Amino acid sequence: MDYMQLVLEILRDGLSCPVVTDIPADRPGRLVMVTLDGDNSNEYLLRPRLMLTCWGTSDRDAFGLTLTALDVLSEAALDHDLLSAVERESVSQEEWSRNGQARFMALVSLTINTDE
């Protein structure tokens, strides 16, 4: 199972901005990038640790987008066939982003049931 694709689909369905795995050359003002930070999977459960990097038009917008993305994942865990748990590990502001770009990051651990 491609858990990254699962997460991308959930976030794309729940957010009103692009959700990507790489920063596009023409990055829009609002964007969520999902990257793998670690993996503690076994044969029964997929346990990826993901970083959500969220850009917004202001610090407030970026923070709100980060919280919304986390809520979308948490809500999906309540009724999705495969996604069974979402654990928020941390939310932090990127203070040193270039050109005054507003950016927040959230580290999240997921529990995904294997489909076998």
N, C-alpha and C. Protein backbone atom coordinates (compact mmCIF):
# COMPACT_ATOMS: atom_id res chain seq x y z
N MET A 1 0.84 -1.18 0.00
CA MET A 1 0.00 0.00 0.00
C MET A 1 0.88 1.25 0.00
N ASP A 2 0.50 2.21 -0.77
CA ASP A 2 1.22 3.49 -0.85
C ASP A 2 0.56 4.47 0.13
N TYR A 3 1.08 4.52 1.35
CA TYR A 3 0.45 5.38 2.35
C TYR A 3 0.61 6.85 2.05
N MET A 4 1.65 7.22 1.33
CA MET A 4 1.81 8.63 0.96
C MET A 4 0.65 9.05 0.04
N GLN A 5 0.31 8.20 -0.91
CA GLN A 5 -0.81 8.51 -1.81
C GLN A 5 -2.12 8.61 -1.03
N LEU A 6 -2.30 7.74 -0.05
CA LEU A 6 -3.50 7.78 0.79
C LEU A 6 -3.61 9.12 1.51
N VAL A 7 -2.51 9.56 2.12
CA VAL A 7 -2.50 10.83 2.85
C VAL A 7 -2.73 12.01 1.89
N LEU A 8 -2.09 11.97 0.74
CA LEU A 8 -2.28 13.04 -0.25
C LEU A 8 -3.74 13.13 -0.67
N GLU A 9 -4.38 12.00 -0.92
CA GLU A 9 -5.79 12.01 -1.32
C GLU A 9 -6.68 12.58 -0.21
N ILE A 10 -6.43 12.18 1.03
CA ILE A 10 -7.24 12.67 2.15
C ILE A 10 -7.08 14.19 2.27
N LEU A 11 -5.85 14.67 2.23
CA LEU A 11 -5.62 16.11 2.37
C LEU A 11 -6.14 16.89 1.17
N ARG A 12 -5.97 16.37 -0.03
CA ARG A 12 -6.47 17.08 -1.22
C ARG A 12 -7.99 17.19 -1.20
N ASP A 13 -8.66 16.16 -0.70
CA ASP A 13 -10.12 16.20 -0.61
C ASP A 13 -10.60 17.19 0.45
N GLY A 14 -9.78 17.40 1.50
CA GLY A 14 -10.23 18.21 2.62
C GLY A 14 -9.71 19.64 2.66
N LEU A 15 -8.75 19.97 1.81
CA LEU A 15 -8.16 21.31 1.83
C LEU A 15 -8.44 22.06 0.54
N SER A 16 -8.44 23.36 0.62
CA SER A 16 -8.71 24.19 -0.57
C SER A 16 -7.42 24.82 -1.10
N CYS A 17 -6.34 24.04 -1.07
CA CYS A 17 -5.07 24.50 -1.62
C CYS A 17 -4.32 23.28 -2.15
N PRO A 18 -3.30 23.49 -2.95
CA PRO A 18 -2.53 22.35 -3.46
C PRO A 18 -1.84 21.59 -2.33
N VAL A 19 -1.77 20.26 -2.48
CA VAL A 19 -1.06 19.38 -1.56
C VAL A 19 -0.08 18.58 -2.40
N VAL A 20 1.22 18.68 -2.08
CA VAL A 20 2.27 18.14 -2.93
C VAL A 20 3.31 17.39 -2.10
N THR A 21 4.24 16.73 -2.79
CA THR A 21 5.38 16.10 -2.12
C THR A 21 6.68 16.83 -2.44
N ASP A 22 6.66 17.74 -3.39
CA ASP A 22 7.82 18.58 -3.74
C ASP A 22 7.34 20.00 -3.96
N ILE A 23 8.18 20.96 -3.64
CA ILE A 23 7.81 22.36 -3.84
C ILE A 23 7.83 22.67 -5.34
N PRO A 24 6.71 23.12 -5.90
CA PRO A 24 6.71 23.47 -7.33
C PRO A 24 7.52 24.76 -7.57
N ALA A 25 8.06 24.88 -8.75
CA ALA A 25 8.85 26.07 -9.11
C ALA A 25 8.04 27.35 -8.94
N ASP A 26 6.77 27.28 -9.26
CA ASP A 26 5.88 28.44 -9.15
C ASP A 26 4.95 28.28 -7.94
N ARG A 27 5.56 28.10 -6.76
CA ARG A 27 4.80 27.83 -5.54
C ARG A 27 3.74 28.89 -5.31
N PRO A 28 2.49 28.45 -5.13
CA PRO A 28 1.43 29.41 -4.82
C PRO A 28 1.56 29.93 -3.39
N GLY A 29 0.78 30.94 -3.04
CA GLY A 29 0.83 31.53 -1.71
C GLY A 29 0.42 30.58 -0.61
N ARG A 30 -0.49 29.66 -0.92
CA ARG A 30 -0.94 28.66 0.05
C ARG A 30 -0.61 27.28 -0.50
N LEU A 31 0.02 26.46 0.33
CA LEU A 31 0.48 25.15 -0.13
C LEU A 31 0.76 24.27 1.07
N VAL A 32 0.49 22.97 0.92
CA VAL A 32 0.88 21.99 1.93
C VAL A 32 1.78 20.97 1.26
N MET A 33 2.98 20.77 1.83
CA MET A 33 3.89 19.76 1.33
C MET A 33 4.00 18.65 2.37
N VAL A 34 3.88 17.40 1.91
CA VAL A 34 3.94 16.23 2.78
C VAL A 34 5.23 15.48 2.48
N THR A 35 6.03 15.24 3.53
CA THR A 35 7.27 14.49 3.37
C THR A 35 7.38 13.43 4.46
N LEU A 36 8.09 12.37 4.14
CA LEU A 36 8.31 11.28 5.10
C LEU A 36 9.43 11.67 6.05
N ASP A 37 9.19 11.56 7.35
CA ASP A 37 10.18 11.89 8.36
C ASP A 37 10.73 10.63 9.03
N GLY A 38 10.01 9.53 8.92
CA GLY A 38 10.44 8.27 9.53
C GLY A 38 9.37 7.20 9.33
N ASP A 39 9.70 5.98 9.67
CA ASP A 39 8.76 4.88 9.46
C ASP A 39 9.03 3.80 10.49
N ASN A 40 7.99 3.40 11.21
CA ASN A 40 8.09 2.36 12.22
C ASN A 40 7.07 1.27 11.92
N SER A 41 6.99 0.87 10.65
CA SER A 41 5.99 -0.10 10.21
C SER A 41 6.40 -1.52 10.57
N ASN A 42 5.38 -2.40 10.60
CA ASN A 42 5.63 -3.83 10.74
C ASN A 42 4.72 -4.55 9.76
N GLU A 43 4.62 -5.86 9.84
CA GLU A 43 3.84 -6.58 8.84
C GLU A 43 2.33 -6.36 8.96
N TYR A 44 1.85 -5.85 10.08
CA TYR A 44 0.42 -5.66 10.29
C TYR A 44 -0.02 -4.20 10.19
N LEU A 45 0.87 -3.30 10.58
CA LEU A 45 0.52 -1.88 10.61
C LEU A 45 1.60 -1.06 9.92
N LEU A 46 1.16 -0.06 9.18
CA LEU A 46 2.07 0.93 8.62
C LEU A 46 2.09 2.09 9.61
N ARG A 47 3.27 2.53 10.01
CA ARG A 47 3.41 3.58 11.02
C ARG A 47 4.34 4.69 10.51
N PRO A 48 3.90 5.40 9.45
CA PRO A 48 4.75 6.47 8.95
C PRO A 48 4.70 7.70 9.86
N ARG A 49 5.80 8.42 9.87
CA ARG A 49 5.89 9.70 10.56
C ARG A 49 6.09 10.73 9.47
N LEU A 50 5.15 11.66 9.36
CA LEU A 50 5.15 12.61 8.26
C LEU A 50 5.30 14.05 8.75
N MET A 51 5.95 14.85 7.92
CA MET A 51 6.06 16.28 8.17
C MET A 51 5.12 17.00 7.20
N LEU A 52 4.26 17.83 7.73
CA LEU A 52 3.40 18.68 6.91
C LEU A 52 3.99 20.09 6.99
N THR A 53 4.43 20.60 5.86
CA THR A 53 4.94 21.97 5.80
C THR A 53 3.89 22.80 5.11
N CYS A 54 3.39 23.82 5.80
CA CYS A 54 2.24 24.58 5.32
C CYS A 54 2.62 26.05 5.13
N TRP A 55 2.47 26.53 3.92
CA TRP A 55 2.70 27.94 3.61
C TRP A 55 1.37 28.66 3.55
N GLY A 56 1.34 29.89 4.01
CA GLY A 56 0.14 30.71 3.94
C GLY A 56 0.49 32.13 3.54
N THR A 57 -0.53 32.94 3.39
CA THR A 57 -0.34 34.33 2.98
C THR A 57 0.11 35.21 4.13
N SER A 58 0.00 34.69 5.35
CA SER A 58 0.45 35.38 6.56
C SER A 58 0.75 34.30 7.60
N ASP A 59 1.37 34.68 8.71
CA ASP A 59 1.61 33.71 9.77
C ASP A 59 0.30 33.11 10.26
N ARG A 60 -0.69 33.94 10.42
CA ARG A 60 -1.99 33.46 10.90
C ARG A 60 -2.61 32.47 9.91
N ASP A 61 -2.51 32.78 8.62
CA ASP A 61 -3.05 31.90 7.58
C ASP A 61 -2.30 30.57 7.55
N ALA A 62 -0.97 30.61 7.64
CA ALA A 62 -0.17 29.38 7.63
C ALA A 62 -0.49 28.52 8.85
N PHE A 63 -0.63 29.14 10.01
CA PHE A 63 -0.97 28.40 11.22
C PHE A 63 -2.36 27.78 11.10
N GLY A 64 -3.30 28.55 10.60
CA GLY A 64 -4.66 28.03 10.40
C GLY A 64 -4.69 26.87 9.42
N LEU A 65 -3.92 26.98 8.34
CA LEU A 65 -3.84 25.89 7.36
C LEU A 65 -3.24 24.64 7.99
N THR A 66 -2.24 24.82 8.83
CA THR A 66 -1.62 23.68 9.52
C THR A 66 -2.63 22.98 10.42
N LEU A 67 -3.37 23.75 11.20
CA LEU A 67 -4.37 23.15 12.09
C LEU A 67 -5.48 22.48 11.30
N THR A 68 -5.88 23.08 10.20
CA THR A 68 -6.92 22.48 9.36
C THR A 68 -6.43 21.16 8.77
N ALA A 69 -5.20 21.12 8.28
CA ALA A 69 -4.65 19.88 7.72
C ALA A 69 -4.62 18.77 8.78
N LEU A 70 -4.23 19.12 10.00
CA LEU A 70 -4.22 18.13 11.08
C LEU A 70 -5.63 17.66 11.41
N ASP A 71 -6.59 18.58 11.41
CA ASP A 71 -7.98 18.21 11.66
C ASP A 71 -8.52 17.29 10.57
N VAL A 72 -8.18 17.57 9.32
CA VAL A 72 -8.63 16.73 8.20
C VAL A 72 -8.13 15.30 8.40
N LEU A 73 -6.86 15.15 8.76
CA LEU A 73 -6.33 13.80 8.98
C LEU A 73 -6.99 13.13 10.18
N SER A 74 -7.17 13.88 11.27
CA SER A 74 -7.80 13.31 12.47
C SER A 74 -9.23 12.87 12.20
N GLU A 75 -9.97 13.68 11.47
CA GLU A 75 -11.34 13.32 11.11
C GLU A 75 -11.38 12.08 10.22
N ALA A 76 -10.45 11.98 9.30
CA ALA A 76 -10.40 10.82 8.42
C ALA A 76 -10.15 9.54 9.20
N ALA A 77 -9.36 9.64 10.27
CA ALA A 77 -9.07 8.45 11.07
C ALA A 77 -10.32 7.89 11.76
N LEU A 78 -11.36 8.71 11.90
CA LEU A 78 -12.59 8.25 12.55
C LEU A 78 -13.41 7.32 11.68
N ASP A 79 -13.30 7.47 10.35
CA ASP A 79 -14.18 6.65 9.50
C ASP A 79 -13.51 6.05 8.27
N HIS A 80 -12.21 6.21 8.12
CA HIS A 80 -11.52 5.64 6.96
C HIS A 80 -11.26 4.16 7.20
N ASP A 81 -11.37 3.37 6.15
CA ASP A 81 -11.17 1.92 6.27
C ASP A 81 -9.75 1.54 6.69
N LEU A 82 -8.77 2.31 6.28
CA LEU A 82 -7.38 1.94 6.54
C LEU A 82 -6.67 2.84 7.55
N LEU A 83 -6.97 4.12 7.55
CA LEU A 83 -6.33 5.05 8.48
C LEU A 83 -7.02 4.93 9.84
N SER A 84 -6.30 4.44 10.84
CA SER A 84 -6.97 4.20 12.12
C SER A 84 -6.53 5.13 13.24
N ALA A 85 -5.41 5.83 13.10
CA ALA A 85 -5.00 6.75 14.16
C ALA A 85 -4.07 7.83 13.61
N VAL A 86 -4.20 9.03 14.19
CA VAL A 86 -3.35 10.16 13.86
C VAL A 86 -2.88 10.77 15.17
N GLU A 87 -1.58 10.87 15.34
CA GLU A 87 -1.01 11.45 16.55
C GLU A 87 -0.20 12.69 16.18
N ARG A 88 -0.65 13.83 16.68
CA ARG A 88 0.09 15.08 16.48
C ARG A 88 1.28 15.09 17.41
N GLU A 89 2.47 15.18 16.85
CA GLU A 89 3.67 15.20 17.69
C GLU A 89 4.11 16.62 17.99
N SER A 90 4.07 17.49 16.99
CA SER A 90 4.49 18.87 17.24
C SER A 90 3.99 19.78 16.13
N VAL A 91 3.86 21.05 16.46
CA VAL A 91 3.56 22.11 15.49
C VAL A 91 4.53 23.24 15.81
N SER A 92 5.22 23.72 14.78
CA SER A 92 6.19 24.78 15.02
C SER A 92 6.21 25.76 13.85
N GLN A 93 6.66 26.95 14.13
CA GLN A 93 6.76 27.98 13.11
C GLN A 93 8.18 28.01 12.57
N GLU A 94 8.30 28.13 11.25
CA GLU A 94 9.60 28.31 10.62
C GLU A 94 9.91 29.79 10.65
N GLU A 95 10.79 30.19 11.53
CA GLU A 95 11.08 31.61 11.70
C GLU A 95 12.08 32.14 10.69
N TRP A 96 12.81 31.26 10.04
CA TRP A 96 13.89 31.70 9.16
C TRP A 96 13.59 31.46 7.70
N SER A 97 12.32 31.41 7.34
CA SER A 97 11.98 31.20 5.93
C SER A 97 12.35 32.44 5.12
N ARG A 98 12.71 32.21 3.88
CA ARG A 98 13.15 33.30 3.01
C ARG A 98 12.01 34.23 2.62
N ASN A 99 12.37 35.45 2.35
CA ASN A 99 11.46 36.45 1.78
C ASN A 99 10.21 36.67 2.62
N GLY A 100 10.29 36.43 3.91
CA GLY A 100 9.14 36.66 4.77
C GLY A 100 7.99 35.70 4.52
N GLN A 101 8.26 34.54 3.94
CA GLN A 101 7.20 33.57 3.68
C GLN A 101 6.68 33.02 5.01
N ALA A 102 5.39 32.97 5.16
CA ALA A 102 4.78 32.44 6.37
C ALA A 102 4.72 30.92 6.25
N ARG A 103 5.35 30.22 7.20
CA ARG A 103 5.40 28.77 7.09
C ARG A 103 5.38 28.14 8.48
N PHE A 104 4.51 27.12 8.63
CA PHE A 104 4.45 26.32 9.83
C PHE A 104 4.65 24.86 9.45
N MET A 105 5.13 24.07 10.42
CA MET A 105 5.35 22.66 10.19
C MET A 105 4.68 21.85 11.29
N ALA A 106 4.14 20.71 10.89
CA ALA A 106 3.54 19.80 11.86
C ALA A 106 4.10 18.40 11.63
N LEU A 107 4.51 17.78 12.71
CA LEU A 107 4.98 16.41 12.67
C LEU A 107 3.86 15.53 13.18
N VAL A 108 3.54 14.49 12.41
CA VAL A 108 2.40 13.65 12.73
C VAL A 108 2.76 12.19 12.49
N SER A 109 2.33 11.32 13.41
CA SER A 109 2.49 9.88 13.25
C SER A 109 1.14 9.27 12.94
N LEU A 110 1.13 8.39 11.95
CA LEU A 110 -0.11 7.74 11.53
C LEU A 110 -0.05 6.25 11.80
N THR A 111 -1.21 5.65 12.02
CA THR A 111 -1.33 4.20 12.07
C THR A 111 -2.29 3.82 10.93
N ILE A 112 -1.78 3.01 10.01
CA ILE A 112 -2.56 2.60 8.84
C ILE A 112 -2.58 1.08 8.83
N ASN A 113 -3.77 0.51 8.72
CA ASN A 113 -3.90 -0.94 8.64
C ASN A 113 -3.47 -1.40 7.26
N THR A 114 -2.74 -2.47 7.20
CA THR A 114 -2.40 -3.03 5.90
C THR A 114 -3.67 -3.62 5.31
N ASP A 115 -3.76 -3.62 4.01
CA ASP A 115 -4.99 -4.10 3.36
C ASP A 115 -4.93 -5.59 3.06
N GLU A 116 -4.04 -6.31 3.69
CA GLU A 116 -3.93 -7.76 3.47
C GLU A 116 -4.59 -8.52 4.57
